[in-house]
């Protein structure tokens, strides 16, 4: 990732590939996910220590797309610079989770492309609604989600691994 993040101008002119992870991508997913947890530890419902302790088999399962959540990765110059996930909750809601882009690649439209990919996947899977949970204080993330049609709902809860942080539910509706 060093070649990409040290040369922002090259990232700006390089194509970005957004694709689902596959089992063989387990090391890539592990690297980008751990980087996300180090960079933004309060934005995820999982701690770095927990994720770092996953076995190779657990990472392979996470990357395989055969279990939930499923992950998409953003690739620039052959390196993963972002990720996003989706999962169907017990209440049958289609959830956007684990959204992250490397700090040196922010502002280049990668986050928007990741969100668009999840919205497209939702529609392809017959879902008319996508929900997510975000801290209202995370103004950059809230702004991104609002630009992509998400609206706040009056539902709040404490973040699973950070009980001092409250997140609020947002939703996007297809055609809305």
N, C-alpha and C. Protein backbone atom coordinates (compact mmCIF):
# COMPACT_ATOMS: atom_id res chain seq x y z
N UNK A 1 0.82 -1.19 0.00
CA UNK A 1 0.00 0.00 0.00
C UNK A 1 0.86 1.26 0.00
N UNK A 2 2.13 1.16 0.37
CA UNK A 2 2.98 2.34 0.47
C UNK A 2 3.08 3.10 -0.85
N UNK A 3 3.24 2.38 -1.96
CA UNK A 3 3.37 3.05 -3.25
C UNK A 3 2.13 3.88 -3.57
N UNK A 4 0.98 3.40 -3.15
CA UNK A 4 -0.26 4.12 -3.43
C UNK A 4 -0.43 5.29 -2.49
N UNK A 5 -0.30 5.05 -1.22
CA UNK A 5 -0.63 6.10 -0.27
C UNK A 5 0.44 7.18 -0.21
N UNK A 6 1.63 6.92 -0.69
CA UNK A 6 2.66 7.96 -0.73
C UNK A 6 2.60 8.79 -1.99
N UNK A 7 1.75 8.41 -2.93
CA UNK A 7 1.68 9.13 -4.20
C UNK A 7 0.22 9.39 -4.55
N UNK A 8 -0.37 10.35 -3.87
CA UNK A 8 -1.79 10.66 -4.06
C UNK A 8 -2.12 10.96 -5.52
N UNK A 9 -1.23 11.68 -6.22
CA UNK A 9 -1.53 12.03 -7.61
C UNK A 9 -1.65 10.79 -8.48
N UNK A 10 -0.90 9.75 -8.19
CA UNK A 10 -1.03 8.51 -8.96
C UNK A 10 -2.36 7.85 -8.66
N UNK A 11 -2.83 7.90 -7.43
CA UNK A 11 -4.11 7.32 -7.08
C UNK A 11 -5.24 8.05 -7.80
N UNK A 12 -5.13 9.37 -7.88
CA UNK A 12 -6.17 10.15 -8.53
C UNK A 12 -6.33 9.77 -9.99
N UNK A 13 -5.24 9.38 -10.67
CA UNK A 13 -5.33 9.06 -12.08
C UNK A 13 -5.44 7.56 -12.33
N UNK A 14 -5.39 6.75 -11.30
CA UNK A 14 -5.46 5.30 -11.45
C UNK A 14 -6.90 4.82 -11.35
N UNK A 15 -7.24 3.83 -12.15
CA UNK A 15 -8.59 3.28 -12.04
C UNK A 15 -8.77 2.57 -10.70
N UNK A 16 -9.98 2.62 -10.21
CA UNK A 16 -10.33 1.96 -8.95
C UNK A 16 -11.22 0.78 -9.31
N UNK A 17 -10.86 -0.38 -8.82
CA UNK A 17 -11.64 -1.58 -9.02
C UNK A 17 -12.37 -1.89 -7.71
N UNK A 18 -13.68 -2.01 -7.77
CA UNK A 18 -14.47 -2.42 -6.62
C UNK A 18 -14.95 -3.83 -6.93
N UNK A 19 -14.57 -4.78 -6.06
CA UNK A 19 -14.96 -6.16 -6.33
C UNK A 19 -15.18 -6.93 -5.04
N UNK A 20 -16.01 -7.98 -5.11
CA UNK A 20 -16.19 -8.82 -3.93
C UNK A 20 -14.89 -9.54 -3.59
N UNK A 21 -14.67 -9.76 -2.32
CA UNK A 21 -13.51 -10.55 -1.92
C UNK A 21 -13.83 -12.02 -2.19
N UNK A 22 -12.78 -12.80 -2.37
CA UNK A 22 -12.89 -14.24 -2.55
C UNK A 22 -11.96 -14.90 -1.54
N UNK A 23 -12.14 -16.18 -1.33
CA UNK A 23 -11.35 -16.86 -0.31
C UNK A 23 -9.84 -16.62 -0.48
N UNK A 24 -9.37 -16.62 -1.72
CA UNK A 24 -7.94 -16.39 -1.96
C UNK A 24 -7.49 -14.98 -1.58
N UNK A 25 -8.43 -14.07 -1.35
CA UNK A 25 -8.13 -12.70 -0.95
C UNK A 25 -8.00 -12.55 0.57
N UNK A 26 -7.96 -13.62 1.29
CA UNK A 26 -8.02 -13.54 2.75
C UNK A 26 -6.93 -12.65 3.32
N UNK A 27 -5.71 -12.71 2.79
CA UNK A 27 -4.63 -11.86 3.32
C UNK A 27 -4.88 -10.39 3.01
N UNK A 28 -5.41 -10.13 1.82
CA UNK A 28 -5.74 -8.76 1.43
C UNK A 28 -6.82 -8.21 2.35
N UNK A 29 -7.88 -9.00 2.56
CA UNK A 29 -8.97 -8.56 3.44
C UNK A 29 -8.45 -8.35 4.85
N UNK A 30 -7.64 -9.26 5.34
CA UNK A 30 -7.08 -9.12 6.68
C UNK A 30 -6.28 -7.83 6.80
N UNK A 31 -5.42 -7.56 5.83
CA UNK A 31 -4.58 -6.36 5.87
C UNK A 31 -5.40 -5.08 5.88
N UNK A 32 -6.38 -4.98 4.98
CA UNK A 32 -7.17 -3.76 4.89
C UNK A 32 -8.10 -3.62 6.09
N UNK A 33 -8.64 -4.74 6.58
CA UNK A 33 -9.54 -4.68 7.73
C UNK A 33 -8.78 -4.27 8.98
N UNK A 34 -7.61 -4.84 9.19
CA UNK A 34 -6.82 -4.45 10.37
C UNK A 34 -6.37 -2.99 10.27
N UNK A 35 -6.03 -2.54 9.06
CA UNK A 35 -5.67 -1.13 8.87
C UNK A 35 -6.86 -0.23 9.23
N UNK A 36 -8.06 -0.64 8.84
CA UNK A 36 -9.26 0.12 9.16
C UNK A 36 -9.48 0.19 10.66
N UNK A 37 -9.29 -0.93 11.34
CA UNK A 37 -9.49 -0.95 12.79
C UNK A 37 -8.45 -0.12 13.53
N UNK A 38 -7.21 -0.09 13.01
CA UNK A 38 -6.18 0.77 13.62
C UNK A 38 -6.49 2.24 13.39
N UNK A 39 -6.93 2.57 12.18
CA UNK A 39 -7.20 3.95 11.81
C UNK A 39 -8.46 4.49 12.48
N UNK A 40 -9.49 3.69 12.56
CA UNK A 40 -10.80 4.13 13.05
C UNK A 40 -11.38 3.13 14.04
N UNK A 41 -10.74 2.93 15.17
CA UNK A 41 -11.17 1.89 16.10
C UNK A 41 -12.58 2.07 16.66
N UNK A 42 -13.07 3.29 16.69
CA UNK A 42 -14.40 3.51 17.26
C UNK A 42 -15.50 3.45 16.21
N UNK A 43 -15.16 3.15 14.97
CA UNK A 43 -16.16 3.13 13.91
C UNK A 43 -16.69 1.73 13.63
N UNK A 44 -16.14 0.74 14.28
CA UNK A 44 -16.51 -0.64 13.98
C UNK A 44 -17.03 -1.33 15.24
N UNK A 45 -17.84 -2.33 15.05
CA UNK A 45 -18.36 -3.12 16.17
C UNK A 45 -17.44 -4.27 16.53
N UNK A 46 -16.18 -4.20 16.11
CA UNK A 46 -15.20 -5.24 16.33
C UNK A 46 -13.90 -4.58 16.75
N UNK A 47 -13.21 -5.16 17.69
CA UNK A 47 -11.94 -4.56 18.12
C UNK A 47 -10.78 -5.10 17.29
N UNK A 48 -9.71 -4.32 17.23
CA UNK A 48 -8.51 -4.75 16.53
C UNK A 48 -7.99 -6.05 17.13
N UNK A 49 -7.94 -6.14 18.47
CA UNK A 49 -7.41 -7.34 19.13
C UNK A 49 -8.20 -8.59 18.73
N UNK A 50 -9.50 -8.46 18.66
CA UNK A 50 -10.32 -9.61 18.27
C UNK A 50 -10.03 -10.02 16.83
N UNK A 51 -10.02 -9.05 15.92
CA UNK A 51 -9.78 -9.36 14.51
C UNK A 51 -8.36 -9.87 14.28
N UNK A 52 -7.39 -9.30 14.97
CA UNK A 52 -6.00 -9.73 14.80
C UNK A 52 -5.80 -11.16 15.26
N UNK A 53 -6.64 -11.63 16.15
CA UNK A 53 -6.52 -12.99 16.67
C UNK A 53 -7.22 -14.03 15.78
N UNK A 54 -7.93 -13.60 14.74
CA UNK A 54 -8.58 -14.54 13.84
C UNK A 54 -7.54 -15.46 13.22
N UNK A 55 -7.91 -16.69 13.03
CA UNK A 55 -7.03 -17.67 12.37
C UNK A 55 -7.09 -17.46 10.85
N UNK A 56 -6.17 -18.09 10.15
CA UNK A 56 -6.22 -18.04 8.69
C UNK A 56 -7.56 -18.56 8.19
N UNK A 57 -8.05 -19.63 8.78
CA UNK A 57 -9.33 -20.20 8.36
C UNK A 57 -10.48 -19.21 8.55
N UNK A 58 -10.46 -18.48 9.68
CA UNK A 58 -11.50 -17.47 9.90
C UNK A 58 -11.42 -16.37 8.85
N UNK A 59 -10.21 -15.91 8.52
CA UNK A 59 -10.07 -14.89 7.48
C UNK A 59 -10.51 -15.42 6.12
N UNK A 60 -10.19 -16.67 5.84
CA UNK A 60 -10.63 -17.28 4.58
C UNK A 60 -12.16 -17.29 4.51
N UNK A 61 -12.82 -17.64 5.60
CA UNK A 61 -14.28 -17.64 5.64
C UNK A 61 -14.82 -16.23 5.45
N UNK A 62 -14.22 -15.24 6.10
CA UNK A 62 -14.66 -13.85 5.95
C UNK A 62 -14.54 -13.39 4.49
N UNK A 63 -13.45 -13.78 3.85
CA UNK A 63 -13.20 -13.33 2.48
C UNK A 63 -13.99 -14.12 1.45
N UNK A 64 -14.44 -15.31 1.80
CA UNK A 64 -15.02 -16.23 0.82
C UNK A 64 -16.31 -15.74 0.17
N UNK A 65 -17.05 -14.90 0.84
CA UNK A 65 -18.35 -14.49 0.32
C UNK A 65 -19.42 -15.54 0.56
N UNK A 66 -19.06 -16.63 1.23
CA UNK A 66 -20.01 -17.71 1.50
C UNK A 66 -20.71 -17.54 2.84
N UNK A 67 -20.20 -16.61 3.66
CA UNK A 67 -20.79 -16.35 4.97
C UNK A 67 -21.09 -14.86 5.07
N UNK A 68 -21.77 -14.50 6.12
CA UNK A 68 -22.04 -13.08 6.37
C UNK A 68 -21.10 -12.56 7.43
N UNK A 69 -20.74 -11.33 7.36
CA UNK A 69 -20.99 -10.41 6.26
C UNK A 69 -20.14 -10.77 5.04
N UNK A 70 -20.54 -10.20 3.90
CA UNK A 70 -19.75 -10.32 2.68
C UNK A 70 -19.06 -8.98 2.46
N UNK A 71 -17.84 -9.03 1.94
CA UNK A 71 -17.05 -7.82 1.78
C UNK A 71 -16.72 -7.53 0.34
N UNK A 72 -16.67 -6.23 0.04
CA UNK A 72 -16.15 -5.73 -1.23
C UNK A 72 -14.87 -4.98 -0.88
N UNK A 73 -13.89 -5.04 -1.77
CA UNK A 73 -12.66 -4.29 -1.56
C UNK A 73 -12.48 -3.31 -2.71
N UNK A 74 -11.85 -2.18 -2.40
CA UNK A 74 -11.48 -1.19 -3.40
C UNK A 74 -9.99 -1.38 -3.67
N UNK A 75 -9.65 -1.59 -4.94
CA UNK A 75 -8.28 -1.87 -5.34
C UNK A 75 -7.77 -0.74 -6.24
N UNK A 76 -6.59 -0.21 -5.91
CA UNK A 76 -5.91 0.77 -6.75
C UNK A 76 -4.48 0.26 -6.93
N UNK A 77 -4.04 0.20 -8.16
CA UNK A 77 -2.69 -0.27 -8.48
C UNK A 77 -2.38 -1.60 -7.80
N UNK A 78 -3.36 -2.49 -7.78
CA UNK A 78 -3.17 -3.81 -7.21
C UNK A 78 -3.21 -3.89 -5.69
N UNK A 79 -3.46 -2.77 -5.02
CA UNK A 79 -3.49 -2.74 -3.56
C UNK A 79 -4.88 -2.38 -3.05
N UNK A 80 -5.30 -3.07 -2.00
CA UNK A 80 -6.59 -2.76 -1.37
C UNK A 80 -6.46 -1.46 -0.58
N UNK A 81 -7.33 -0.50 -0.87
CA UNK A 81 -7.30 0.79 -0.19
C UNK A 81 -8.61 1.09 0.53
N UNK A 82 -9.56 0.16 0.46
CA UNK A 82 -10.84 0.37 1.12
C UNK A 82 -11.65 -0.90 1.15
N UNK A 83 -12.69 -0.88 1.98
CA UNK A 83 -13.59 -2.02 2.06
C UNK A 83 -14.96 -1.56 2.52
N UNK A 84 -15.91 -2.44 2.29
CA UNK A 84 -17.28 -2.24 2.73
C UNK A 84 -17.90 -3.63 2.81
N UNK A 85 -18.88 -3.78 3.67
CA UNK A 85 -19.54 -5.07 3.79
C UNK A 85 -21.04 -4.93 3.76
N UNK A 86 -21.69 -6.07 3.57
CA UNK A 86 -23.14 -6.12 3.66
C UNK A 86 -23.55 -7.41 4.34
N UNK A 87 -24.69 -7.36 4.97
CA UNK A 87 -25.21 -8.53 5.68
C UNK A 87 -26.71 -8.35 5.89
N UNK A 88 -27.40 -9.47 5.92
CA UNK A 88 -28.82 -9.47 6.25
C UNK A 88 -28.93 -9.77 7.75
N UNK A 89 -29.60 -8.90 8.49
CA UNK A 89 -29.75 -9.07 9.93
C UNK A 89 -30.81 -10.12 10.26
N UNK A 90 -30.89 -10.47 11.52
CA UNK A 90 -31.92 -11.42 11.97
C UNK A 90 -33.32 -10.89 11.67
N UNK A 91 -33.46 -9.57 11.69
CA UNK A 91 -34.76 -8.98 11.39
C UNK A 91 -34.97 -8.79 9.88
N UNK A 92 -34.08 -9.38 9.07
CA UNK A 92 -34.16 -9.38 7.60
C UNK A 92 -33.85 -8.03 6.97
N UNK A 93 -33.13 -7.17 7.68
CA UNK A 93 -32.72 -5.89 7.12
C UNK A 93 -31.39 -6.05 6.40
N UNK A 94 -31.27 -5.40 5.26
CA UNK A 94 -30.02 -5.40 4.49
C UNK A 94 -29.13 -4.29 5.07
N UNK A 95 -28.00 -4.68 5.64
CA UNK A 95 -27.12 -3.75 6.35
C UNK A 95 -25.84 -3.45 5.59
N UNK A 96 -25.49 -2.18 5.53
CA UNK A 96 -24.17 -1.74 5.08
C UNK A 96 -23.30 -1.68 6.32
N UNK A 97 -22.14 -2.34 6.28
CA UNK A 97 -21.25 -2.36 7.44
C UNK A 97 -19.81 -2.16 7.00
N UNK A 98 -18.95 -1.89 7.97
CA UNK A 98 -17.49 -1.90 7.79
C UNK A 98 -16.99 -1.03 6.65
N UNK A 99 -17.55 0.15 6.48
CA UNK A 99 -17.14 1.08 5.42
C UNK A 99 -15.84 1.77 5.84
N UNK A 100 -14.81 1.72 4.98
CA UNK A 100 -13.54 2.38 5.29
C UNK A 100 -12.72 2.58 4.02
N UNK A 101 -12.03 3.73 3.95
CA UNK A 101 -11.07 4.04 2.88
C UNK A 101 -9.82 4.58 3.54
N UNK A 102 -8.67 4.13 3.05
CA UNK A 102 -7.39 4.59 3.58
C UNK A 102 -7.33 6.12 3.55
N UNK A 103 -6.80 6.72 4.59
CA UNK A 103 -6.79 8.19 4.73
C UNK A 103 -6.13 8.89 3.55
N UNK A 104 -5.11 8.30 2.95
CA UNK A 104 -4.43 8.93 1.81
C UNK A 104 -5.24 8.85 0.52
N UNK A 105 -6.31 8.07 0.55
CA UNK A 105 -7.15 7.91 -0.65
C UNK A 105 -8.53 8.53 -0.48
N UNK A 106 -8.74 9.20 0.63
CA UNK A 106 -10.03 9.84 0.85
C UNK A 106 -10.15 11.09 -0.02
N UNK A 107 -11.37 11.42 -0.37
CA UNK A 107 -11.62 12.58 -1.21
C UNK A 107 -11.48 12.29 -2.68
N UNK A 108 -11.29 11.02 -3.04
CA UNK A 108 -11.10 10.64 -4.44
C UNK A 108 -12.32 9.95 -5.04
N UNK A 109 -13.40 9.85 -4.26
CA UNK A 109 -14.62 9.22 -4.74
C UNK A 109 -14.70 7.72 -4.49
N UNK A 110 -13.69 7.15 -3.84
CA UNK A 110 -13.68 5.71 -3.59
C UNK A 110 -14.81 5.33 -2.63
N UNK A 111 -14.99 6.08 -1.58
CA UNK A 111 -16.06 5.78 -0.61
C UNK A 111 -17.42 5.79 -1.29
N UNK A 112 -17.66 6.77 -2.12
CA UNK A 112 -18.93 6.85 -2.84
C UNK A 112 -19.14 5.65 -3.75
N UNK A 113 -18.08 5.20 -4.39
CA UNK A 113 -18.19 4.03 -5.25
C UNK A 113 -18.48 2.77 -4.43
N UNK A 114 -17.90 2.67 -3.24
CA UNK A 114 -18.19 1.53 -2.37
C UNK A 114 -19.65 1.53 -1.94
N UNK A 115 -20.16 2.70 -1.54
CA UNK A 115 -21.56 2.80 -1.13
C UNK A 115 -22.48 2.47 -2.32
N UNK A 116 -22.17 3.01 -3.49
CA UNK A 116 -22.97 2.71 -4.68
C UNK A 116 -22.99 1.21 -4.97
N UNK A 117 -21.86 0.55 -4.77
CA UNK A 117 -21.78 -0.90 -5.02
C UNK A 117 -22.70 -1.67 -4.08
N UNK A 118 -22.76 -1.25 -2.82
CA UNK A 118 -23.65 -1.92 -1.87
C UNK A 118 -25.11 -1.65 -2.24
N UNK A 119 -25.42 -0.43 -2.63
CA UNK A 119 -26.79 -0.13 -3.04
C UNK A 119 -27.19 -0.98 -4.25
N UNK A 120 -26.29 -1.11 -5.22
CA UNK A 120 -26.57 -1.94 -6.40
C UNK A 120 -26.75 -3.41 -6.02
N UNK A 121 -25.90 -3.91 -5.11
CA UNK A 121 -26.03 -5.29 -4.65
C UNK A 121 -27.38 -5.51 -3.96
N UNK A 122 -27.81 -4.53 -3.18
CA UNK A 122 -29.10 -4.65 -2.50
C UNK A 122 -30.22 -4.83 -3.53
N UNK A 123 -30.22 -3.98 -4.53
CA UNK A 123 -31.27 -4.05 -5.56
C UNK A 123 -31.19 -5.39 -6.30
N UNK A 124 -29.96 -5.81 -6.66
CA UNK A 124 -29.78 -7.10 -7.35
C UNK A 124 -30.32 -8.25 -6.52
N UNK A 125 -30.30 -8.11 -5.22
CA UNK A 125 -30.74 -9.17 -4.32
C UNK A 125 -32.20 -8.99 -3.88
N UNK A 126 -32.90 -8.09 -4.55
CA UNK A 126 -34.32 -7.91 -4.27
C UNK A 126 -34.61 -7.06 -3.05
N UNK A 127 -33.61 -6.36 -2.55
CA UNK A 127 -33.79 -5.50 -1.37
C UNK A 127 -34.11 -4.08 -1.84
N UNK A 128 -35.07 -3.47 -1.23
CA UNK A 128 -35.46 -2.10 -1.58
C UNK A 128 -34.96 -1.09 -0.55
N UNK A 129 -34.25 -1.58 0.46
CA UNK A 129 -33.84 -0.72 1.57
C UNK A 129 -32.50 -1.21 2.11
N UNK A 130 -31.63 -0.25 2.45
CA UNK A 130 -30.34 -0.54 3.07
C UNK A 130 -30.28 0.28 4.35
N UNK A 131 -29.82 -0.33 5.45
CA UNK A 131 -29.65 0.40 6.69
C UNK A 131 -28.19 0.33 7.13
N UNK A 132 -27.82 1.28 7.96
CA UNK A 132 -26.49 1.31 8.54
C UNK A 132 -26.58 2.01 9.87
N UNK A 133 -25.53 1.91 10.64
CA UNK A 133 -25.44 2.61 11.92
C UNK A 133 -24.16 3.41 11.92
N UNK A 134 -24.27 4.68 12.32
CA UNK A 134 -23.13 5.58 12.31
C UNK A 134 -23.26 6.56 13.47
N UNK A 135 -22.14 6.99 13.98
CA UNK A 135 -22.17 8.03 15.01
C UNK A 135 -22.56 9.35 14.34
N UNK A 136 -23.58 10.02 14.83
CA UNK A 136 -23.94 11.32 14.26
C UNK A 136 -22.79 12.33 14.34
N UNK A 137 -21.83 12.09 15.25
CA UNK A 137 -20.67 12.98 15.37
C UNK A 137 -19.65 12.75 14.27
N UNK A 138 -19.75 11.66 13.54
CA UNK A 138 -18.83 11.37 12.45
C UNK A 138 -19.34 12.09 11.20
N UNK A 139 -19.09 13.40 11.17
CA UNK A 139 -19.70 14.25 10.14
C UNK A 139 -19.28 13.88 8.72
N UNK A 140 -18.06 13.41 8.54
CA UNK A 140 -17.62 13.01 7.20
C UNK A 140 -18.44 11.82 6.70
N UNK A 141 -18.60 10.81 7.55
CA UNK A 141 -19.38 9.63 7.16
C UNK A 141 -20.84 9.99 6.96
N UNK A 142 -21.39 10.78 7.87
CA UNK A 142 -22.80 11.18 7.75
C UNK A 142 -23.01 11.93 6.44
N UNK A 143 -22.09 12.84 6.11
CA UNK A 143 -22.20 13.59 4.86
C UNK A 143 -22.17 12.67 3.64
N UNK A 144 -21.27 11.69 3.66
CA UNK A 144 -21.19 10.72 2.57
C UNK A 144 -22.52 9.99 2.42
N UNK A 145 -23.02 9.47 3.52
CA UNK A 145 -24.26 8.69 3.45
C UNK A 145 -25.44 9.56 3.01
N UNK A 146 -25.50 10.79 3.49
CA UNK A 146 -26.58 11.70 3.05
C UNK A 146 -26.50 11.96 1.55
N UNK A 147 -25.28 12.15 1.03
CA UNK A 147 -25.13 12.38 -0.41
C UNK A 147 -25.61 11.18 -1.22
N UNK A 148 -25.64 10.03 -0.61
CA UNK A 148 -26.08 8.82 -1.29
C UNK A 148 -27.50 8.42 -0.91
N UNK A 149 -28.25 9.38 -0.36
CA UNK A 149 -29.67 9.19 -0.14
C UNK A 149 -30.08 8.59 1.19
N UNK A 150 -29.15 8.43 2.10
CA UNK A 150 -29.50 7.89 3.43
C UNK A 150 -30.08 9.00 4.30
N UNK A 151 -31.04 8.61 5.14
CA UNK A 151 -31.67 9.52 6.08
C UNK A 151 -31.63 8.89 7.47
N UNK A 152 -31.49 9.74 8.49
CA UNK A 152 -31.50 9.24 9.86
C UNK A 152 -32.88 8.74 10.25
N UNK A 153 -32.88 7.69 11.05
CA UNK A 153 -34.09 7.17 11.69
C UNK A 153 -33.96 7.44 13.19
N UNK A 154 -35.06 7.48 13.92
CA UNK A 154 -34.99 7.79 15.35
C UNK A 154 -34.61 6.57 16.21
N UNK A 155 -33.60 5.83 15.77
CA UNK A 155 -33.15 4.64 16.50
C UNK A 155 -31.68 4.80 16.85
N UNK A 156 -31.38 4.75 18.13
CA UNK A 156 -30.00 4.88 18.62
C UNK A 156 -29.65 3.69 19.50
N UNK A 157 -28.36 3.38 19.54
CA UNK A 157 -27.87 2.32 20.42
C UNK A 157 -26.38 2.54 20.64
N UNK A 158 -25.85 1.88 21.65
CA UNK A 158 -24.41 1.94 21.93
C UNK A 158 -23.69 1.02 20.95
N UNK A 159 -22.52 1.45 20.50
CA UNK A 159 -21.69 0.61 19.63
C UNK A 159 -21.23 -0.59 20.43
N UNK A 160 -21.30 -1.76 19.83
CA UNK A 160 -21.06 -3.02 20.55
C UNK A 160 -19.75 -3.04 21.33
N UNK A 161 -18.63 -2.68 20.70
CA UNK A 161 -17.35 -2.77 21.40
C UNK A 161 -16.92 -1.43 22.01
N UNK A 162 -17.74 -0.42 21.87
CA UNK A 162 -17.45 0.92 22.40
C UNK A 162 -18.72 1.46 23.06
N UNK A 163 -19.09 0.98 24.25
CA UNK A 163 -20.37 1.37 24.85
C UNK A 163 -20.53 2.86 25.10
N UNK A 164 -19.44 3.62 25.11
CA UNK A 164 -19.54 5.06 25.29
C UNK A 164 -19.89 5.81 24.01
N UNK A 165 -19.95 5.09 22.90
CA UNK A 165 -20.26 5.72 21.61
C UNK A 165 -21.64 5.28 21.17
N UNK A 166 -22.50 6.25 20.93
CA UNK A 166 -23.84 5.96 20.44
C UNK A 166 -23.87 6.10 18.94
N UNK A 167 -24.53 5.15 18.30
CA UNK A 167 -24.72 5.21 16.85
C UNK A 167 -26.20 5.35 16.56
N UNK A 168 -26.48 5.93 15.42
CA UNK A 168 -27.86 6.12 15.01
C UNK A 168 -28.06 5.42 13.67
N UNK A 169 -29.24 4.86 13.51
CA UNK A 169 -29.57 4.14 12.30
C UNK A 169 -29.91 5.12 11.18
N UNK A 170 -29.42 4.79 9.97
CA UNK A 170 -29.78 5.53 8.76
C UNK A 170 -30.34 4.51 7.77
N UNK A 171 -31.17 5.00 6.86
CA UNK A 171 -31.71 4.11 5.84
C UNK A 171 -31.68 4.78 4.47
N UNK A 172 -31.57 3.94 3.47
CA UNK A 172 -31.69 4.33 2.07
C UNK A 172 -32.75 3.44 1.45
N UNK A 173 -33.63 4.06 0.68
CA UNK A 173 -34.67 3.29 -0.01
C UNK A 173 -34.48 3.44 -1.50
N UNK A 174 -34.55 2.33 -2.19
CA UNK A 174 -34.44 2.32 -3.63
C UNK A 174 -35.55 3.17 -4.23
N UNK A 175 -35.17 4.05 -5.14
CA UNK A 175 -36.16 4.90 -5.79
C UNK A 175 -36.62 6.06 -4.92
N UNK A 176 -36.00 6.22 -3.74
CA UNK A 176 -36.47 7.25 -2.83
C UNK A 176 -35.55 8.32 -2.55
